[in-house]
PDB file of N, CA and C in Angstrom:
ATOM      1  N   UNK A   1     -22.088 -22.807   4.907  1.00  0.00           N
ATOM      2  CA  UNK A   1     -21.775 -21.250   5.806  1.00  0.00           C
ATOM      3  C   UNK A   1     -20.400 -21.177   5.374  1.00  0.00           C
ATOM      4  N   UNK A   2     -19.540 -21.813   5.699  1.00  0.00           N
ATOM      5  CA  UNK A   2     -18.062 -21.208   5.389  1.00  0.00           C
ATOM      6  C   UNK A   2     -17.481 -20.930   3.971  1.00  0.00           C
ATOM      7  N   UNK A   3     -18.356 -22.015   3.056  1.00  0.00           N
ATOM      8  CA  UNK A   3     -18.010 -22.291   1.825  1.00  0.00           C
ATOM      9  C   UNK A   3     -18.322 -20.516   0.893  1.00  0.00           C
ATOM     10  N   UNK A   4     -19.788 -19.875   1.597  1.00  0.00           N
ATOM     11  CA  UNK A   4     -19.652 -18.916   1.051  1.00  0.00           C
ATOM     12  C   UNK A   4     -18.796 -17.483   1.476  1.00  0.00           C
ATOM     13  N   UNK A   5     -18.496 -17.711   2.950  1.00  0.00           N
ATOM     14  CA  UNK A   5     -17.417 -16.919   3.498  1.00  0.00           C
ATOM     15  C   UNK A   5     -16.599 -16.833   2.868  1.00  0.00           C
ATOM     16  N   UNK A   6     -15.899 -18.005   2.522  1.00  0.00           N
ATOM     17  CA  UNK A   6     -14.747 -18.268   1.602  1.00  0.00           C
ATOM     18  C   UNK A   6     -14.705 -17.716   0.466  1.00  0.00           C
ATOM     19  N   UNK A   7     -15.837 -17.690  -0.410  1.00  0.00           N
ATOM     20  CA  UNK A   7     -16.239 -17.524  -1.896  1.00  0.00           C
ATOM     21  C   UNK A   7     -16.054 -15.530  -1.886  1.00  0.00           C
ATOM     22  N   UNK A   8     -16.799 -15.209  -0.474  1.00  0.00           N
ATOM     23  CA  UNK A   8     -17.134 -13.609  -0.569  1.00  0.00           C
ATOM     24  C   UNK A   8     -15.620 -13.162  -0.141  1.00  0.00           C
ATOM     25  N   UNK A   9     -14.599 -13.982   0.643  1.00  0.00           N
ATOM     26  CA  UNK A   9     -13.275 -13.361   0.800  1.00  0.00           C
ATOM     27  C   UNK A   9     -12.277 -13.317  -0.477  1.00  0.00           C
ATOM     28  N   UNK A  10     -12.847 -14.493  -1.088  1.00  0.00           N
ATOM     29  CA  UNK A  10     -11.839 -14.655  -2.507  1.00  0.00           C
ATOM     30  C   UNK A  10     -12.105 -13.671  -3.289  1.00  0.00           C
ATOM     31  N   UNK A  11     -13.460 -13.301  -3.244  1.00  0.00           N
ATOM     32  CA  UNK A  11     -14.242 -12.236  -4.399  1.00  0.00           C
ATOM     33  C   UNK A  11     -13.454 -10.615  -3.945  1.00  0.00           C
ATOM     34  N   UNK A  12     -13.415 -10.556  -2.708  1.00  0.00           N
ATOM     35  CA  UNK A  12     -13.016  -9.484  -1.960  1.00  0.00           C
ATOM     36  C   UNK A  12     -11.283  -9.337  -2.136  1.00  0.00           C
ATOM     37  N   UNK A  13     -10.912 -10.285  -2.028  1.00  0.00           N
ATOM     38  CA  UNK A  13      -8.990 -10.084  -2.198  1.00  0.00           C
ATOM     39  C   UNK A  13      -8.754 -10.027  -3.772  1.00  0.00           C
ATOM     40  N   UNK A  14      -9.959 -10.651  -4.837  1.00  0.00           N
ATOM     41  CA  UNK A  14      -9.298 -10.997  -6.001  1.00  0.00           C
ATOM     42  C   UNK A  14      -9.822  -9.279  -6.462  1.00  0.00           C
ATOM     43  N   UNK A  15     -10.569  -8.814  -6.064  1.00  0.00           N
ATOM     44  CA  UNK A  15     -11.029  -7.179  -6.811  1.00  0.00           C
ATOM     45  C   UNK A  15     -10.154  -6.488  -6.469  1.00  0.00           C
ATOM     46  N   UNK A  16      -9.646  -6.621  -5.012  1.00  0.00           N
ATOM     47  CA  UNK A  16      -9.135  -5.798  -4.807  1.00  0.00           C
ATOM     48  C   UNK A  16      -7.214  -5.488  -5.214  1.00  0.00           C
ATOM     49  N   UNK A  17      -6.814  -6.921  -5.444  1.00  0.00           N
ATOM     50  CA  UNK A  17      -5.454  -7.220  -6.282  1.00  0.00           C
ATOM     51  C   UNK A  17      -6.184  -6.542  -7.801  1.00  0.00           C
ATOM     52  N   UNK A  18      -7.271  -6.876  -8.550  1.00  0.00           N
ATOM     53  CA  UNK A  18      -7.690  -6.629 -10.209  1.00  0.00           C
ATOM     54  C   UNK A  18      -7.742  -4.734  -9.815  1.00  0.00           C
ATOM     55  N   UNK A  19      -8.388  -4.159  -8.712  1.00  0.00           N
ATOM     56  CA  UNK A  19      -8.440  -2.772  -8.723  1.00  0.00           C
ATOM     57  C   UNK A  19      -7.182  -2.295  -8.637  1.00  0.00           C
ATOM     58  N   UNK A  20      -6.161  -2.635  -7.829  1.00  0.00           N
ATOM     59  CA  UNK A  20      -4.735  -1.653  -7.861  1.00  0.00           C
ATOM     60  C   UNK A  20      -3.872  -2.153  -8.746  1.00  0.00           C
ATOM     61  N   UNK A  21      -3.799  -2.866  -9.185  1.00  0.00           N
ATOM     62  CA  UNK A  21      -3.261  -3.286 -10.659  1.00  0.00           C
ATOM     63  C   UNK A  21      -3.669  -2.587 -11.787  1.00  0.00           C
ATOM     64  N   UNK A  22      -5.112  -2.286 -11.910  1.00  0.00           N
ATOM     65  CA  UNK A  22      -5.341  -1.711 -13.256  1.00  0.00           C
ATOM     66  C   UNK A  22      -5.223  -0.165 -12.779  1.00  0.00           C
ATOM     67  N   UNK A  23      -5.882   0.349 -11.893  1.00  0.00           N
ATOM     68  CA  UNK A  23      -6.045   1.396 -11.532  1.00  0.00           C
ATOM     69  C   UNK A  23      -4.769   2.327 -11.299  1.00  0.00           C
ATOM     70  N   UNK A  24      -4.021   1.315 -10.649  1.00  0.00           N
ATOM     71  CA  UNK A  24      -2.480   2.555 -10.384  1.00  0.00           C
ATOM     72  C   UNK A  24      -2.178   2.421 -11.606  1.00  0.00           C
ATOM     73  N   UNK A  25      -1.773   2.048 -12.862  1.00  0.00           N
ATOM     74  CA  UNK A  25      -1.377   1.865 -13.907  1.00  0.00           C
ATOM     75  C   UNK A  25      -2.188   3.334 -14.633  1.00  0.00           C
ATOM     76  N   UNK A  26      -3.385   2.969 -15.116  1.00  0.00           N
ATOM     77  CA  UNK A  26      -4.400   4.184 -15.576  1.00  0.00           C
ATOM     78  C   UNK A  26      -4.191   5.371 -14.808  1.00  0.00           C
ATOM     79  N   UNK A  27      -4.107   6.025 -13.400  1.00  0.00           N
ATOM     80  CA  UNK A  27      -3.716   6.736 -12.514  1.00  0.00           C
ATOM     81  C   UNK A  27      -2.070   7.611 -13.233  1.00  0.00           C
ATOM     82  N   UNK A  28      -1.330   6.813 -13.819  1.00  0.00           N
ATOM     83  CA  UNK A  28       0.191   7.599 -13.592  1.00  0.00           C
ATOM     84  C   UNK A  28       0.569   7.266 -14.904  1.00  0.00           C
ATOM     85  N   UNK A  29       0.177   6.051 -15.756  1.00  0.00           N
ATOM     86  CA  UNK A  29       0.900   5.858 -16.951  1.00  0.00           C
ATOM     87  C   UNK A  29       1.114   7.394 -17.980  1.00  0.00           C
ATOM     88  N   UNK A  30      -0.019   8.540 -18.082  1.00  0.00           N
ATOM     89  CA  UNK A  30       0.603   9.592 -18.936  1.00  0.00           C
ATOM     90  C   UNK A  30       1.383  10.546 -18.268  1.00  0.00           C
ATOM     91  N   UNK A  31       1.455  10.588 -16.956  1.00  0.00           N
ATOM     92  CA  UNK A  31       1.866  11.788 -16.097  1.00  0.00           C
ATOM     93  C   UNK A  31       3.531  11.118 -15.440  1.00  0.00           C
ATOM     94  N   UNK A  32       3.951  10.069 -15.344  1.00  0.00           N
ATOM     95  CA  UNK A  32       5.099   9.370 -14.459  1.00  0.00           C
ATOM     96  C   UNK A  32       5.844   9.006 -15.797  1.00  0.00           C
ATOM     97  N   UNK A  33       7.151   9.434 -15.350  1.00  0.00           N
ATOM     98  CA  UNK A  33       8.007   8.614 -16.127  1.00  0.00           C
ATOM     99  C   UNK A  33       8.311   7.225 -15.638  1.00  0.00           C
ATOM    100  N   UNK A  34       9.019   6.180 -16.625  1.00  0.00           N
ATOM    101  CA  UNK A  34       9.089   4.874 -15.930  1.00  0.00           C
ATOM    102  C   UNK A  34       9.877   4.603 -14.806  1.00  0.00           C
ATOM    103  N   UNK A  35      10.799   5.306 -14.262  1.00  0.00           N
ATOM    104  CA  UNK A  35      11.243   5.354 -12.810  1.00  0.00           C
ATOM    105  C   UNK A  35      10.465   5.933 -12.236  1.00  0.00           C
ATOM    106  N   UNK A  36       9.766   7.237 -12.141  1.00  0.00           N
ATOM    107  CA  UNK A  36       8.593   7.298 -11.179  1.00  0.00           C
ATOM    108  C   UNK A  36       7.796   6.402 -10.760  1.00  0.00           C
ATOM    109  N   UNK A  37       7.412   5.891 -11.860  1.00  0.00           N
ATOM    110  CA  UNK A  37       6.136   4.936 -11.563  1.00  0.00           C
ATOM    111  C   UNK A  37       6.676   3.715 -10.949  1.00  0.00           C
ATOM    112  N   UNK A  38       8.071   3.352 -11.407  1.00  0.00           N
ATOM    113  CA  UNK A  38       8.328   2.189  -9.991  1.00  0.00           C
ATOM    114  C   UNK A  38       8.615   2.518  -9.046  1.00  0.00           C
ATOM    115  N   UNK A  39       9.038   3.868  -8.773  1.00  0.00           N
ATOM    116  CA  UNK A  39       9.430   4.569  -7.393  1.00  0.00           C
ATOM    117  C   UNK A  39       8.193   4.510  -6.287  1.00  0.00           C
ATOM    118  N   UNK A  40       7.173   4.769  -7.467  1.00  0.00           N
ATOM    119  CA  UNK A  40       5.918   5.127  -6.580  1.00  0.00           C
ATOM    120  C   UNK A  40       5.246   3.622  -6.491  1.00  0.00           C
ATOM    121  N   UNK A  41       5.686   2.805  -6.987  1.00  0.00           N
ATOM    122  CA  UNK A  41       4.987   1.262  -6.622  1.00  0.00           C
ATOM    123  C   UNK A  41       5.817   0.710  -5.305  1.00  0.00           C
ATOM    124  N   UNK A  42       7.153   1.027  -5.767  1.00  0.00           N
ATOM    125  CA  UNK A  42       7.811   0.180  -4.490  1.00  0.00           C
ATOM    126  C   UNK A  42       7.490   1.131  -3.226  1.00  0.00           C
ATOM    127  N   UNK A  43       7.209   2.383  -3.384  1.00  0.00           N
ATOM    128  CA  UNK A  43       6.850   3.306  -1.957  1.00  0.00           C
ATOM    129  C   UNK A  43       5.459   2.794  -1.640  1.00  0.00           C
ATOM    130  N   UNK A  44       4.891   2.764  -2.255  1.00  0.00           N
ATOM    131  CA  UNK A  44       3.066   2.368  -1.865  1.00  0.00           C
ATOM    132  C   UNK A  44       2.787   1.613  -2.309  1.00  0.00           C
ATOM    133  N   UNK A  45       3.020   0.310  -2.728  1.00  0.00           N
ATOM    134  CA  UNK A  45       2.367  -0.689  -2.893  1.00  0.00           C
ATOM    135  C   UNK A  45       1.353  -1.319  -1.764  1.00  0.00           C
ATOM    136  N   UNK A  46       1.939  -0.933  -0.845  1.00  0.00           N
ATOM    137  CA  UNK A  46       0.670  -1.716   0.423  1.00  0.00           C
ATOM    138  C   UNK A  46      -0.295  -0.655   0.954  1.00  0.00           C
ATOM    139  N   UNK A  47      -0.291   0.866   0.306  1.00  0.00           N
ATOM    140  CA  UNK A  47      -1.256   1.492   0.674  1.00  0.00           C
ATOM    141  C   UNK A  47      -2.153   1.256  -0.697  1.00  0.00           C
ATOM    142  N   UNK A  48      -1.322   0.831  -2.088  1.00  0.00           N
ATOM    143  CA  UNK A  48      -2.285   0.842  -3.146  1.00  0.00           C
ATOM    144  C   UNK A  48      -3.165  -0.400  -3.240  1.00  0.00           C
ATOM    145  N   UNK A  49      -2.679  -1.674  -2.340  1.00  0.00           N
ATOM    146  CA  UNK A  49      -3.518  -2.573  -2.256  1.00  0.00           C
ATOM    147  C   UNK A  49      -4.391  -2.555  -0.806  1.00  0.00           C
ATOM    148  N   UNK A  50      -4.035  -1.664  -0.055  1.00  0.00           N
ATOM    149  CA  UNK A  50      -5.093  -1.661   0.916  1.00  0.00           C
ATOM    150  C   UNK A  50      -6.068  -0.629   0.695  1.00  0.00           C
ATOM    151  N   UNK A  51      -5.658   0.074  -0.360  1.00  0.00           N
ATOM    152  CA  UNK A  51      -6.974   0.751  -0.940  1.00  0.00           C
ATOM    153  C   UNK A  51      -7.868   0.112  -1.856  1.00  0.00           C
ATOM    154  N   UNK A  52      -7.098  -0.398  -2.697  1.00  0.00           N
ATOM    155  CA  UNK A  52      -8.131  -1.545  -3.136  1.00  0.00           C
ATOM    156  C   UNK A  52      -8.986  -2.282  -2.515  1.00  0.00           C
ATOM    157  N   UNK A  53      -8.752  -2.885  -1.521  1.00  0.00           N
ATOM    158  CA  UNK A  53      -9.203  -3.553  -0.873  1.00  0.00           C
ATOM    159  C   UNK A  53     -10.613  -3.007  -0.110  1.00  0.00           C
ATOM    160  N   UNK A  54     -10.016  -1.690   0.530  1.00  0.00           N
ATOM    161  CA  UNK A  54     -11.498  -0.962   0.740  1.00  0.00           C
ATOM    162  C   UNK A  54     -12.442  -0.552  -0.099  1.00  0.00           C
ATOM    163  N   UNK A  55     -11.642  -0.266  -1.165  1.00  0.00           N
ATOM    164  CA  UNK A  55     -13.176   0.271  -2.305  1.00  0.00           C
ATOM    165  C   UNK A  55     -13.375  -1.333  -3.171  1.00  0.00           C
ATOM    166  N   UNK A  56     -12.916  -2.259  -2.649  1.00  0.00           N
ATOM    167  CA  UNK A  56     -13.603  -3.640  -3.365  1.00  0.00           C
ATOM    168  C   UNK A  56     -14.977  -3.878  -2.365  1.00  0.00           C
ATOM    169  N   UNK A  57     -14.691  -3.439  -1.129  1.00  0.00           N
ATOM    170  CA  UNK A  57     -15.939  -3.707  -0.187  1.00  0.00           C
ATOM    171  C   UNK A  57     -17.229  -3.034  -0.391  1.00  0.00           C
ATOM    172  N   UNK A  58     -17.138  -2.087  -1.483  1.00  0.00           N
ATOM    173  CA  UNK A  58     -18.175  -1.647  -2.404  1.00  0.00           C
ATOM    174  C   UNK A  58     -19.049  -2.022  -3.094  1.00  0.00           C
ATOM    175  N   UNK A  59     -18.218  -2.925  -3.830  1.00  0.00           N
ATOM    176  CA  UNK A  59     -18.773  -3.547  -4.891  1.00  0.00           C
ATOM    177  C   UNK A  59     -19.798  -4.521  -4.261  1.00  0.00           C
ATOM    178  N   UNK A  60     -19.970  -4.635  -2.641  1.00  0.00           N
ATOM    179  CA  UNK A  60     -21.155  -5.638  -2.287  1.00  0.00           C
ATOM    180  C   UNK A  60     -22.232  -5.167  -1.889  1.00  0.00           C
ATOM    181  N   UNK A  61     -22.155  -3.364  -1.944  1.00  0.00           N
ATOM    182  CA  UNK A  61     -23.242  -2.677  -1.638  1.00  0.00           C
ATOM    183  C   UNK A  61     -24.179  -3.058  -2.993  1.00  0.00           C
ATOM    184  N   UNK A  62     -25.285  -3.233  -2.849  1.00  0.00           N
ATOM    185  CA  UNK A  62     -26.270  -3.302  -4.094  1.00  0.00           C
ATOM    186  C   UNK A  62     -26.280  -2.455  -5.226  1.00  0.00           C
ATOM    187  N   UNK A  63     -26.601  -1.123  -4.739  1.00  0.00           N
ATOM    188  CA  UNK A  63     -26.707  -0.137  -5.312  1.00  0.00           C
ATOM    189  C   UNK A  63     -25.293   0.775  -5.753  1.00  0.00           C
ATOM    190  N   UNK A  64     -24.629   0.526  -4.519  1.00  0.00           N
ATOM    191  CA  UNK A  64     -23.174   1.712  -4.848  1.00  0.00           C
ATOM    192  C   UNK A  64     -22.202   0.524  -5.964  1.00  0.00           C
ATOM    193  N   UNK A  65     -22.509  -0.751  -6.329  1.00  0.00           N
ATOM    194  CA  UNK A  65     -21.690  -1.388  -7.141  1.00  0.00           C
ATOM    195  C   UNK A  65     -22.356  -1.142  -8.545  1.00  0.00           C
ATOM    196  N   UNK A  66     -23.049   0.253  -9.016  1.00  0.00           N
ATOM    197  CA  UNK A  66     -23.159   0.678 -10.055  1.00  0.00           C
ATOM    198  C   UNK A  66     -21.943   1.676 -10.579  1.00  0.00           C
ATOM    199  N   UNK A  67     -21.633   2.344  -9.736  1.00  0.00           N
ATOM    200  CA  UNK A  67     -20.923   3.405  -9.618  1.00  0.00           C
ATOM    201  C   UNK A  67     -19.582   3.335  -9.007  1.00  0.00           C
ATOM    202  N   UNK A  68     -19.395   2.219  -8.366  1.00  0.00           N
ATOM    203  CA  UNK A  68     -18.261   1.851  -7.694  1.00  0.00           C
ATOM    204  C   UNK A  68     -16.673   1.844  -8.876  1.00  0.00           C
ATOM    205  N   UNK A  69     -16.884   1.646  -9.463  1.00  0.00           N
ATOM    206  CA  UNK A  69     -15.979   1.678 -10.794  1.00  0.00           C
ATOM    207  C   UNK A  69     -15.307   3.169 -10.826  1.00  0.00           C
ATOM    208  N   UNK A  70     -16.341   3.781 -11.123  1.00  0.00           N
ATOM    209  CA  UNK A  70     -16.136   5.624 -11.368  1.00  0.00           C
ATOM    210  C   UNK A  70     -15.280   6.223  -9.889  1.00  0.00           C
ATOM    211  N   UNK A  71     -15.629   5.741  -9.182  1.00  0.00           N
ATOM    212  CA  UNK A  71     -15.489   6.291  -7.950  1.00  0.00           C
ATOM    213  C   UNK A  71     -13.876   5.522  -7.566  1.00  0.00           C
ATOM    214  N   UNK A  72     -13.775   4.510  -7.927  1.00  0.00           N
ATOM    215  CA  UNK A  72     -12.502   3.584  -7.647  1.00  0.00           C
ATOM    216  C   UNK A  72     -11.251   4.387  -8.543  1.00  0.00           C
ATOM    217  N   UNK A  73     -11.769   4.522  -9.616  1.00  0.00           N
ATOM    218  CA  UNK A  73     -10.863   4.834 -10.601  1.00  0.00           C
ATOM    219  C   UNK A  73     -10.473   6.847 -10.297  1.00  0.00           C
ATOM    220  N   UNK A  74     -11.391   7.218  -9.839  1.00  0.00           N
ATOM    221  CA  UNK A  74     -11.049   8.526  -9.378  1.00  0.00           C
ATOM    222  C   UNK A  74     -10.162   8.739  -7.954  1.00  0.00           C
ATOM    223  N   UNK A  75      -9.967   7.927  -6.894  1.00  0.00           N
ATOM    224  CA  UNK A  75      -9.751   7.572  -6.265  1.00  0.00           C
ATOM    225  C   UNK A  75      -8.150   7.071  -6.353  1.00  0.00           C
ATOM    226  N   UNK A  76      -8.119   6.415  -7.442  1.00  0.00           N
ATOM    227  CA  UNK A  76      -6.630   6.009  -7.123  1.00  0.00           C
ATOM    228  C   UNK A  76      -5.844   6.980  -7.985  1.00  0.00           C
ATOM    229  N   UNK A  77      -6.843   7.559  -8.941  1.00  0.00           N
ATOM    230  CA  UNK A  77      -6.016   8.936 -10.168  1.00  0.00           C
ATOM    231  C   UNK A  77      -5.571  10.142  -8.866  1.00  0.00           C
ATOM    232  N   UNK A  78      -6.498  10.416  -8.084  1.00  0.00           N
ATOM    233  CA  UNK A  78      -6.309  11.260  -6.779  1.00  0.00           C
ATOM    234  C   UNK A  78      -4.864  11.192  -6.032  1.00  0.00           C
ATOM    235  N   UNK A  79      -4.846   9.718  -5.737  1.00  0.00           N
ATOM    236  CA  UNK A  79      -3.918   8.902  -5.025  1.00  0.00           C
ATOM    237  C   UNK A  79      -2.421   8.729  -5.425  1.00  0.00           C
ATOM    238  N   UNK A  80      -2.484   8.781  -6.592  1.00  0.00           N
ATOM    239  CA  UNK A  80      -1.434   8.287  -7.615  1.00  0.00           C
ATOM    240  C   UNK A  80      -0.876   9.577  -8.190  1.00  0.00           C
ATOM    241  N   UNK A  81      -1.638  10.672  -8.452  1.00  0.00           N
ATOM    242  CA  UNK A  81      -1.247  12.074  -8.667  1.00  0.00           C
ATOM    243  C   UNK A  81      -0.520  12.736  -7.406  1.00  0.00           C
ATOM    244  N   UNK A  82      -1.126  12.635  -6.370  1.00  0.00           N
ATOM    245  CA  UNK A  82      -0.854  12.790  -5.153  1.00  0.00           C
ATOM    246  C   UNK A  82       0.830  12.302  -4.770  1.00  0.00           C
ATOM    247  N   UNK A  83       1.009  11.160  -4.685  1.00  0.00           N
ATOM    248  CA  UNK A  83       2.414  10.312  -4.628  1.00  0.00           C
ATOM    249  C   UNK A  83       3.298  11.034  -5.925  1.00  0.00           C
ATOM    250  N   UNK A  84       2.661  10.940  -6.682  1.00  0.00           N
ATOM    251  CA  UNK A  84       3.890  11.825  -7.854  1.00  0.00           C
ATOM    252  C   UNK A  84       4.032  13.330  -7.598  1.00  0.00           C
ATOM    253  N   UNK A  85       3.118  13.806  -6.978  1.00  0.00           N
ATOM    254  CA  UNK A  85       3.961  15.190  -6.814  1.00  0.00           C
ATOM    255  C   UNK A  85       4.630  15.320  -5.412  1.00  0.00           C
ATOM    256  N   UNK A  86       4.325  14.459  -4.592  1.00  0.00           N
ATOM    257  CA  UNK A  86       5.144  14.426  -3.436  1.00  0.00           C
ATOM    258  C   UNK A  86       6.442  14.073  -3.746  1.00  0.00           C
ATOM    259  N   UNK A  87       6.627  13.010  -4.614  1.00  0.00           N
ATOM    260  CA  UNK A  87       8.023  12.311  -4.819  1.00  0.00           C
ATOM    261  C   UNK A  87       8.845  13.325  -5.772  1.00  0.00           C
ATOM    262  N   UNK A  88       8.148  14.387  -6.506  1.00  0.00           N
ATOM    263  CA  UNK A  88       8.601  15.496  -7.526  1.00  0.00           C
ATOM    264  C   UNK A  88       8.935  16.715  -6.506  1.00  0.00           C
ATOM    265  N   UNK A  89       8.290  16.651  -5.591  1.00  0.00           N
ATOM    266  CA  UNK A  89       8.709  17.606  -4.637  1.00  0.00           C
ATOM    267  C   UNK A  89       9.874  17.637  -3.387  1.00  0.00           C
ATOM    268  N   UNK A  90       9.924  16.117  -3.549  1.00  0.00           N
ATOM    269  CA  UNK A  90      11.102  15.705  -2.725  1.00  0.00           C
ATOM    270  C   UNK A  90      12.313  15.753  -3.496  1.00  0.00           C
ATOM    271  N   UNK A  91      12.527  15.201  -4.650  1.00  0.00           N
ATOM    272  CA  UNK A  91      13.262  15.760  -5.665  1.00  0.00           C
ATOM    273  C   UNK A  91      14.017  17.172  -6.081  1.00  0.00           C
ATOM    274  N   UNK A  92      13.030  17.798  -5.854  1.00  0.00           N
ATOM    275  CA  UNK A  92      13.476  19.453  -5.893  1.00  0.00           C
ATOM    276  C   UNK A  92      13.821  20.120  -4.916  1.00  0.00           C
ATOM    277  N   UNK A  93      13.625  19.250  -3.615  1.00  0.00           N
ATOM    278  CA  UNK A  93      14.102  20.016  -2.287  1.00  0.00           C
ATOM    279  C   UNK A  93      15.028  19.296  -1.631  1.00  0.00           C
ATOM    280  N   UNK A  94      15.716  18.273  -2.370  1.00  0.00           N
ATOM    281  CA  UNK A  94      16.319  17.169  -1.195  1.00  0.00           C
ATOM    282  C   UNK A  94      17.325  16.530  -2.765  1.00  0.00           C
TER     283      UNK A  94
END
């Protein structure tokens, strides 16, 4: 039982890591400059990993795992563009 739990935990953490690495880049590559991209990653790396962890749990649901990659991509795009907008508004106002 503990080996199964360890395998599930490892799978969950690995999926969360890979989700945030792939989708954060995919969400911002065409819209953010290199400095903006780096700043967003510094500011919200914990949030991006937590988002990946939450969405990785959907991979364990049998029917939802078919659409989880699309949904995960959309969530990361929404989050990334919102962070970019927040960063640009802060630069304009301050």
